Amino acid sequence: MRQGTCCQCGLTKSIRSFYSLNGMTYCEPCVWKASREAKESGLPSEYISLTDNTVCVRCGADNGSMDFPLVGKHPFCPTCGPLVSNWPYPQWLRLSLVGLLLLLAVALVHGRKYFHAGRTMYIGERLVRQGRYADALPYLQETLQIAPDSDKAVLLAAKAALLSGDIQTAQKALQGHNNGRFEDSSDRDFQEVEGLWKRAIAAFEKADQASKLEQQEGHGEEAARLMHQAAAMYPEAQGLTQAAEYYDEGAAFDRKDYDTFLSIAEKQWDEHASSETAGVLSSALACKYAVTGDAPFRRQSEDMLAKSQQLIQGDSTQQQLFQEYAERIRYRLDKRDIISKQEYDRRFRSGDKQGK
């Protein structure tokens, strides 16, 4: 058995009766005082009991100055050590442990999909906080497939969709959740999404007004103005911005500003080459030929019309649209007469199809 001596009062006895504080050895009364003084001085005041590895913690056997082997963190004599290491646990305890492990396995298997849903929602929420709304949306949609009743997941998905310009996905998420009802309409997240939704709906209502006006002869300027307002209200929807450019073409056509019409048509073709943009550029070039008689404009218009037909790629809707505006463009080139679609329909056909 090892002996210890208090650094304060000089008491000497078994080391297990002493404590260590800031590297010094104290008896119990002295360590209380030293701890209090250390705390008042701003020094560490926690102290720990000293152990004596020469004494068995189970039976108290004394090994003199030699340490007993440790089992875990405690010293045991040769007799007690094997008893502790090979302690016979009761059968009921073993069976209880097996039962708990089985229950844990069942819970993990059953809850696996929910762990996955939690993970995908965590990733989606982090991306939303970073402003990466389009990247977040697939994760949040995956979450909703597993947990469609989660208010938080629905609101996050709707927010990500609205702020990436995808109003249809937002509508599906919101209206598919308990018939559009949420537990707490005063919740900050709910109010934020509600504000985004109302702004998006107002923008598309204005865009719908612009679309109806655009189909009426002589209302191109007003239609373009409304579409620009819609795009400004909901800039996240890139389609509205593109539509505003298209309506600018119609406004330029109405006021007979064919240079602006051509400039916008060329820009759209450069940014997005398609059958439709090729057809609009052909139309603008045909207008320039009709007012100037310059042969290069006619040749370029015919080339773009041929390119428009090439880019249809078997799309029956695009094929029908092409036939409608190709007929009017050829009339413009042959007669050098610039008339609106409505006027062309009145003169030469019945019905009203899309085109310019």
Protein backbone atom coordinates (compact mmCIF):
# COMPACT_ATOMS: atom_id res chain seq x y z
CA MET A 1 0.00 0.00 0.00
CA ARG A 2 1.38 3.38 -0.95
CA GLN A 3 1.49 6.29 1.48
CA GLY A 4 0.77 9.96 0.76
CA THR A 5 1.60 13.21 2.53
CA CYS A 6 -0.54 16.38 2.47
CA CYS A 7 1.47 19.30 1.13
CA GLN A 8 -0.46 21.68 3.36
CA CYS A 9 -0.66 20.08 6.82
CA GLY A 10 1.88 17.25 6.48
CA LEU A 11 -0.61 14.44 7.30
CA THR A 12 0.70 11.03 6.14
CA LYS A 13 -1.58 8.03 5.47
CA SER A 14 -2.86 5.80 2.64
CA ILE A 15 -2.63 7.52 -0.77
CA ARG A 16 -6.31 6.72 -1.37
CA SER A 17 -7.21 9.25 1.33
CA PHE A 18 -5.69 12.12 -0.61
CA TYR A 19 -6.65 14.38 -3.55
CA SER A 20 -4.75 16.05 -6.35
CA LEU A 21 -5.24 19.75 -7.14
CA ASN A 22 -3.09 21.60 -9.71
CA GLY A 23 -0.33 18.97 -9.33
CA MET A 24 -0.26 19.09 -5.51
CA THR A 25 -1.38 16.43 -2.98
CA TYR A 26 -3.85 17.39 -0.25
CA CYS A 27 -5.82 15.67 2.48
CA GLU A 28 -9.59 16.13 2.38
CA PRO A 29 -9.91 19.17 4.72
CA CYS A 30 -6.98 20.93 3.08
CA VAL A 31 -8.13 20.32 -0.47
CA TRP A 32 -11.46 22.08 0.24
CA LYS A 33 -9.62 25.18 1.39
CA ALA A 34 -7.10 25.03 -1.47
CA SER A 35 -9.88 24.60 -4.03
CA ARG A 36 -11.75 27.64 -2.71
CA GLU A 37 -8.57 29.77 -2.78
CA ALA A 38 -7.73 28.60 -6.31
CA LYS A 39 -11.20 29.57 -7.52
CA GLU A 40 -10.89 33.05 -5.96
CA SER A 41 -7.51 33.48 -7.67
CA GLY A 42 -8.86 32.47 -11.06
CA LEU A 43 -7.00 29.14 -11.08
CA PRO A 44 -8.49 25.70 -11.81
CA SER A 45 -10.37 24.53 -8.71
CA GLU A 46 -11.38 20.98 -9.69
CA TYR A 47 -9.66 18.20 -7.73
CA ILE A 48 -9.62 14.43 -8.14
CA SER A 49 -9.23 11.47 -5.79
CA LEU A 50 -5.91 9.65 -5.91
CA THR A 51 -5.90 5.90 -6.51
CA ASP A 52 -3.59 3.18 -5.27
CA ASN A 53 -3.07 0.42 -7.80
CA THR A 54 -1.32 -1.71 -5.16
CA VAL A 55 -4.67 -2.41 -3.43
CA CYS A 56 -7.40 -4.60 -4.99
CA VAL A 57 -10.61 -2.61 -5.31
CA ARG A 58 -12.75 -5.73 -4.73
CA CYS A 59 -11.21 -7.47 -1.72
CA GLY A 60 -8.74 -4.87 -0.46
CA ALA A 61 -5.69 -7.13 -0.80
CA ASP A 62 -2.41 -5.19 -0.36
CA ASN A 63 0.38 -5.86 -2.90
CA GLY A 64 2.99 -3.76 -1.11
CA SER A 65 4.78 -1.47 -3.56
CA MET A 66 3.78 -3.49 -6.68
CA ASP A 67 0.77 -2.52 -8.80
CA PHE A 68 -1.97 -5.04 -9.47
CA PRO A 69 -3.03 -5.57 -13.12
CA LEU A 70 -5.87 -3.31 -14.26
CA VAL A 71 -9.18 -4.70 -15.41
CA GLY A 72 -10.73 -1.77 -17.20
CA LYS A 73 -9.52 1.18 -15.13
CA HIS A 74 -9.29 -0.56 -11.75
CA PRO A 75 -6.68 -2.78 -10.04
CA PHE A 76 -7.64 -6.34 -9.12
CA CYS A 77 -5.68 -9.05 -7.36
CA PRO A 78 -5.03 -12.39 -9.16
CA THR A 79 -8.03 -13.93 -7.41
CA CYS A 80 -10.55 -11.17 -8.16
CA GLY A 81 -9.36 -10.30 -11.66
CA PRO A 82 -10.62 -13.49 -13.40
CA LEU A 83 -13.88 -13.34 -11.48
CA VAL A 84 -14.59 -9.85 -12.79
CA SER A 85 -13.42 -10.61 -16.33
CA ASN A 86 -15.55 -13.74 -16.57
CA TRP A 87 -18.51 -12.56 -14.55
CA PRO A 88 -21.54 -14.73 -15.38
CA TYR A 89 -24.31 -12.42 -16.53
CA PRO A 90 -27.85 -13.63 -15.66
CA GLN A 91 -29.75 -15.43 -18.42
CA TRP A 92 -32.59 -12.90 -18.30
CA LEU A 93 -30.12 -10.08 -18.89
CA ARG A 94 -28.61 -11.84 -21.88
CA LEU A 95 -32.03 -12.53 -23.37
CA SER A 96 -33.06 -8.92 -22.78
CA LEU A 97 -29.97 -7.73 -24.63
CA VAL A 98 -30.74 -10.02 -27.58
CA GLY A 99 -34.34 -8.74 -27.63
CA LEU A 100 -33.21 -5.14 -27.62
CA LEU A 101 -30.81 -5.81 -30.50
CA LEU A 102 -33.62 -7.42 -32.52
CA LEU A 103 -35.91 -4.47 -31.86
CA LEU A 104 -33.14 -2.10 -32.94
CA ALA A 105 -32.61 -4.06 -36.17
CA VAL A 106 -36.35 -3.96 -36.98
CA ALA A 107 -36.48 -0.23 -36.23
CA LEU A 108 -33.49 0.48 -38.47
CA VAL A 109 -34.96 -1.51 -41.37
CA HIS A 110 -38.41 0.02 -41.00
CA GLY A 111 -37.10 3.56 -40.55
CA ARG A 112 -34.49 3.41 -43.30
CA LYS A 113 -36.59 5.37 -45.77
CA TYR A 114 -37.29 8.03 -43.16
CA PHE A 115 -33.58 8.40 -42.45
CA HIS A 116 -33.13 8.87 -46.19
CA ALA A 117 -35.93 11.45 -46.30
CA GLY A 118 -34.31 13.34 -43.44
CA ARG A 119 -31.00 13.34 -45.25
CA THR A 120 -32.41 14.59 -48.55
CA MET A 121 -34.39 17.32 -46.77
CA TYR A 122 -31.24 18.40 -44.91
CA ILE A 123 -29.33 18.68 -48.20
CA GLY A 124 -32.23 20.51 -49.87
CA GLU A 125 -32.62 22.95 -46.97
CA ARG A 126 -28.90 23.71 -47.00
CA LEU A 127 -29.00 24.42 -50.75
CA VAL A 128 -32.02 26.70 -50.27
CA ARG A 129 -30.10 28.68 -47.64
CA GLN A 130 -27.27 29.01 -50.15
CA GLY A 131 -29.69 30.38 -52.78
CA ARG A 132 -29.22 27.33 -55.04
CA TYR A 133 -32.93 26.79 -55.53
CA ALA A 134 -32.88 24.75 -58.74
CA ASP A 135 -30.26 22.41 -57.24
CA ALA A 136 -32.30 22.02 -54.05
CA LEU A 137 -35.57 21.11 -55.77
CA PRO A 138 -34.76 17.46 -56.75
CA TYR A 139 -33.74 16.65 -53.15
CA LEU A 140 -36.89 18.19 -51.73
CA GLN A 141 -39.11 16.46 -54.27
CA GLU A 142 -37.51 13.16 -53.24
CA THR A 143 -38.26 13.99 -49.62
CA LEU A 144 -41.93 14.60 -50.45
CA GLN A 145 -42.24 11.18 -52.07
CA ILE A 146 -41.44 9.64 -48.68
CA ALA A 147 -42.93 12.24 -46.33
CA PRO A 148 -45.73 14.02 -48.27
CA ASP A 149 -47.38 15.25 -45.05
CA SER A 150 -44.36 17.18 -43.79
CA ASP A 151 -45.22 20.89 -43.67
CA LYS A 152 -41.55 21.82 -43.60
CA ALA A 153 -40.65 19.70 -46.63
CA VAL A 154 -43.61 21.03 -48.64
CA LEU A 155 -42.82 24.66 -47.84
CA LEU A 156 -39.13 24.19 -48.67
CA ALA A 157 -40.00 22.51 -51.98
CA ALA A 158 -42.51 25.23 -52.87
CA LYS A 159 -40.00 27.95 -52.00
CA ALA A 160 -37.26 26.34 -54.08
CA ALA A 161 -39.65 25.90 -57.01
CA LEU A 162 -41.00 29.46 -56.87
CA LEU A 163 -37.54 31.01 -56.60
CA SER A 164 -36.34 28.99 -59.57
CA GLY A 165 -39.34 30.05 -61.66
CA ASP A 166 -41.10 26.67 -61.59
CA ILE A 167 -44.63 27.66 -60.58
CA GLN A 168 -46.18 24.35 -61.68
CA THR A 169 -44.04 22.31 -59.29
CA ALA A 170 -44.81 24.79 -56.50
CA GLN A 171 -48.53 24.49 -57.18
CA LYS A 172 -48.36 20.69 -57.13
CA ALA A 173 -46.50 20.71 -53.80
CA LEU A 174 -48.81 23.21 -52.10
CA GLN A 175 -52.17 22.00 -53.34
CA GLY A 176 -51.25 18.33 -52.90
CA HIS A 177 -50.55 18.83 -49.20
CA ASN A 178 -53.69 18.25 -47.11
CA ASN A 179 -55.77 20.05 -49.75
CA GLY A 180 -53.58 23.12 -49.37
CA ARG A 181 -53.99 23.33 -45.59
CA PHE A 182 -51.11 23.81 -43.16
CA GLU A 183 -50.99 23.51 -39.39
CA ASP A 184 -49.80 27.05 -38.66
CA SER A 185 -50.64 29.83 -41.14
CA SER A 186 -48.81 32.31 -38.91
CA ASP A 187 -45.56 30.42 -39.30
CA ARG A 188 -42.82 32.58 -40.83
CA ASP A 189 -41.91 29.99 -43.48
CA PHE A 190 -45.55 29.63 -44.50
CA GLN A 191 -46.00 33.39 -44.81
CA GLU A 192 -42.84 33.69 -46.90
CA VAL A 193 -44.01 31.03 -49.34
CA GLU A 194 -47.51 32.53 -49.43
CA GLY A 195 -45.99 35.90 -50.38
CA LEU A 196 -43.90 34.30 -53.15
CA TRP A 197 -46.95 32.42 -54.44
CA LYS A 198 -49.14 35.54 -54.57
CA ARG A 199 -46.40 37.46 -56.41
CA ALA A 200 -45.99 34.68 -58.97
CA ILE A 201 -49.76 34.34 -59.53
CA ALA A 202 -50.15 38.09 -60.00
CA ALA A 203 -47.36 38.07 -62.58
CA PHE A 204 -48.91 35.23 -64.56
CA GLU A 205 -52.34 36.85 -64.45
CA LYS A 206 -50.80 39.97 -66.00
CA ALA A 207 -49.01 37.79 -68.57
CA ASP A 208 -52.36 36.21 -69.46
CA GLN A 209 -53.83 39.67 -70.05
CA ALA A 210 -50.86 40.45 -72.31
CA SER A 211 -51.40 37.22 -74.24
CA LYS A 212 -55.05 38.05 -74.93
CA LEU A 213 -54.16 41.57 -76.08
CA GLU A 214 -51.36 40.31 -78.32
CA GLN A 215 -53.90 38.31 -80.32
CA GLN A 216 -55.85 41.48 -81.04
CA GLU A 217 -54.79 43.65 -83.94
CA GLY A 218 -53.15 46.96 -83.00
CA HIS A 219 -52.57 46.11 -79.32
CA GLY A 220 -48.93 45.05 -79.59
CA GLU A 221 -47.59 48.01 -77.59
CA GLU A 222 -49.98 47.47 -74.70
CA ALA A 223 -49.37 43.71 -74.72
CA ALA A 224 -45.60 44.27 -74.57
CA ARG A 225 -45.97 46.74 -71.70
CA LEU A 226 -48.03 44.28 -69.66
CA MET A 227 -45.62 41.42 -70.35
CA HIS A 228 -42.68 43.53 -69.22
CA GLN A 229 -44.57 44.31 -66.01
CA ALA A 230 -45.18 40.58 -65.49
CA ALA A 231 -41.49 39.81 -66.05
CA ALA A 232 -40.48 42.53 -63.56
CA MET A 233 -42.92 41.19 -60.95
CA TYR A 234 -41.56 37.66 -61.23
CA PRO A 235 -38.01 37.79 -62.63
CA GLU A 236 -37.31 34.24 -61.47
CA ALA A 237 -39.49 32.98 -64.36
CA GLN A 238 -37.17 33.25 -67.35
CA GLY A 239 -40.05 32.40 -69.66
CA LEU A 240 -41.72 35.73 -68.86
CA THR A 241 -38.56 37.65 -69.76
CA GLN A 242 -38.30 35.76 -73.05
CA ALA A 243 -41.99 36.40 -73.74
CA ALA A 244 -41.48 40.13 -73.11
CA GLU A 245 -38.81 40.15 -75.85
CA TYR A 246 -41.18 38.34 -78.19
CA TYR A 247 -43.89 40.88 -77.48
CA ASP A 248 -41.42 43.68 -78.20
CA GLU A 249 -41.20 42.21 -81.69
CA GLY A 250 -44.97 42.49 -82.05
CA ALA A 251 -44.94 46.07 -80.80
CA ALA A 252 -42.19 46.99 -83.27
CA PHE A 253 -44.18 45.34 -86.07
CA ASP A 254 -47.33 47.28 -85.15
CA ARG A 255 -45.54 50.63 -85.27
CA LYS A 256 -43.75 49.64 -88.50
CA ASP A 257 -40.32 49.83 -86.82
CA TYR A 258 -38.85 47.01 -88.86
CA ASP A 259 -35.24 47.78 -87.89
CA THR A 260 -36.08 47.09 -84.21
CA PHE A 261 -38.13 44.06 -85.24
CA LEU A 262 -35.11 42.69 -87.13
CA SER A 263 -32.66 43.50 -84.32
CA ILE A 264 -34.71 41.63 -81.71
CA ALA A 265 -35.29 38.69 -84.07
CA GLU A 266 -31.55 38.39 -84.75
CA LYS A 267 -30.79 38.46 -81.03
CA GLN A 268 -33.30 35.71 -80.31
CA TRP A 269 -31.94 33.57 -83.12
CA ASP A 270 -28.37 34.01 -81.85
CA GLU A 271 -29.37 33.10 -78.29
CA HIS A 272 -31.70 30.22 -79.09
CA ALA A 273 -31.66 28.75 -82.59
CA SER A 274 -34.95 26.98 -83.22
CA SER A 275 -37.58 26.58 -85.91
CA GLU A 276 -39.66 29.33 -84.29
CA THR A 277 -36.85 31.90 -83.94
CA ALA A 278 -35.73 31.16 -87.49
CA GLY A 279 -39.29 31.80 -88.68
CA VAL A 280 -39.51 35.13 -86.81
CA LEU A 281 -36.16 36.24 -88.26
CA SER A 282 -37.39 35.29 -91.75
CA SER A 283 -40.51 37.39 -91.11
CA ALA A 284 -38.43 40.42 -90.07
CA LEU A 285 -36.14 40.09 -93.09
CA ALA A 286 -39.20 39.85 -95.34
CA CYS A 287 -40.46 43.15 -93.86
CA LYS A 288 -37.12 44.80 -94.67
CA TYR A 289 -37.29 43.48 -98.22
CA ALA A 290 -40.88 44.66 -98.64
CA VAL A 291 -39.99 48.27 -97.69
CA THR A 292 -36.57 48.48 -99.39
CA GLY A 293 -36.69 46.06 -102.31
CA ASP A 294 -33.11 45.04 -101.52
CA ALA A 295 -32.54 41.52 -102.88
CA PRO A 296 -30.17 40.41 -100.05
CA PHE A 297 -33.02 40.79 -97.55
CA ARG A 298 -35.21 38.52 -99.68
CA ARG A 299 -32.47 35.92 -100.06
CA GLN A 300 -31.75 35.92 -96.33
CA SER A 301 -35.47 35.66 -95.53
CA GLU A 302 -35.83 32.64 -97.82
CA ASP A 303 -32.72 31.02 -96.31
CA MET A 304 -34.06 31.46 -92.77
CA LEU A 305 -37.47 30.11 -93.81
CA ALA A 306 -35.78 26.98 -95.19
CA LYS A 307 -33.76 26.67 -91.96
CA SER A 308 -36.97 26.99 -89.94
CA GLN A 309 -38.43 24.04 -91.84
CA GLN A 310 -35.25 21.99 -91.32
CA LEU A 311 -35.38 22.56 -87.54
CA ILE A 312 -38.92 21.22 -87.13
CA GLN A 313 -37.52 17.69 -86.67
CA GLY A 314 -40.77 15.82 -87.02
CA ASP A 315 -42.75 17.89 -84.50
CA SER A 316 -46.33 17.96 -85.84
CA THR A 317 -47.24 21.08 -83.84
CA GLN A 318 -44.21 22.95 -85.15
CA GLN A 319 -45.00 21.69 -88.65
CA GLN A 320 -48.52 23.16 -88.46
CA LEU A 321 -47.18 26.44 -87.09
CA PHE A 322 -44.57 26.60 -89.86
CA GLN A 323 -47.14 26.12 -92.59
CA GLU A 324 -49.18 29.01 -91.18
CA TYR A 325 -46.44 31.64 -91.04
CA ALA A 326 -44.52 30.38 -94.10
CA GLU A 327 -47.55 31.16 -96.27
CA ARG A 328 -47.72 34.74 -94.96
CA ILE A 329 -43.96 35.30 -95.32
CA ARG A 330 -44.02 34.13 -98.94
CA TYR A 331 -46.94 36.48 -99.61
CA ARG A 332 -44.92 39.35 -98.09
CA LEU A 333 -41.93 38.52 -100.28
CA ASP A 334 -43.96 38.08 -103.47
CA LYS A 335 -46.26 41.08 -103.08
CA ARG A 336 -44.03 43.35 -100.93
CA ASP A 337 -47.18 43.97 -98.93
CA ILE A 338 -46.85 43.98 -95.11
CA ILE A 339 -50.11 43.12 -93.40
CA SER A 340 -50.89 41.71 -89.97
CA LYS A 341 -51.90 38.14 -89.39
CA GLN A 342 -55.45 39.24 -88.64
CA GLU A 343 -55.66 41.11 -91.93
CA TYR A 344 -54.14 38.19 -93.82
CA ASP A 345 -56.74 35.86 -92.28
CA ARG A 346 -59.55 38.21 -93.22
CA ARG A 347 -58.38 38.36 -96.81
CA PHE A 348 -57.26 34.85 -97.53
CA ARG A 349 -58.48 32.34 -94.93
CA SER A 350 -61.01 31.60 -92.28
CA GLY A 351 -60.07 30.81 -88.66
CA ASP A 352 -57.31 32.26 -86.54
CA LYS A 353 -54.05 30.44 -86.00
CA GLN A 354 -50.94 31.34 -84.10
CA GLY A 355 -48.20 33.37 -85.76
CA LYS A 356 -47.03 36.79 -86.69
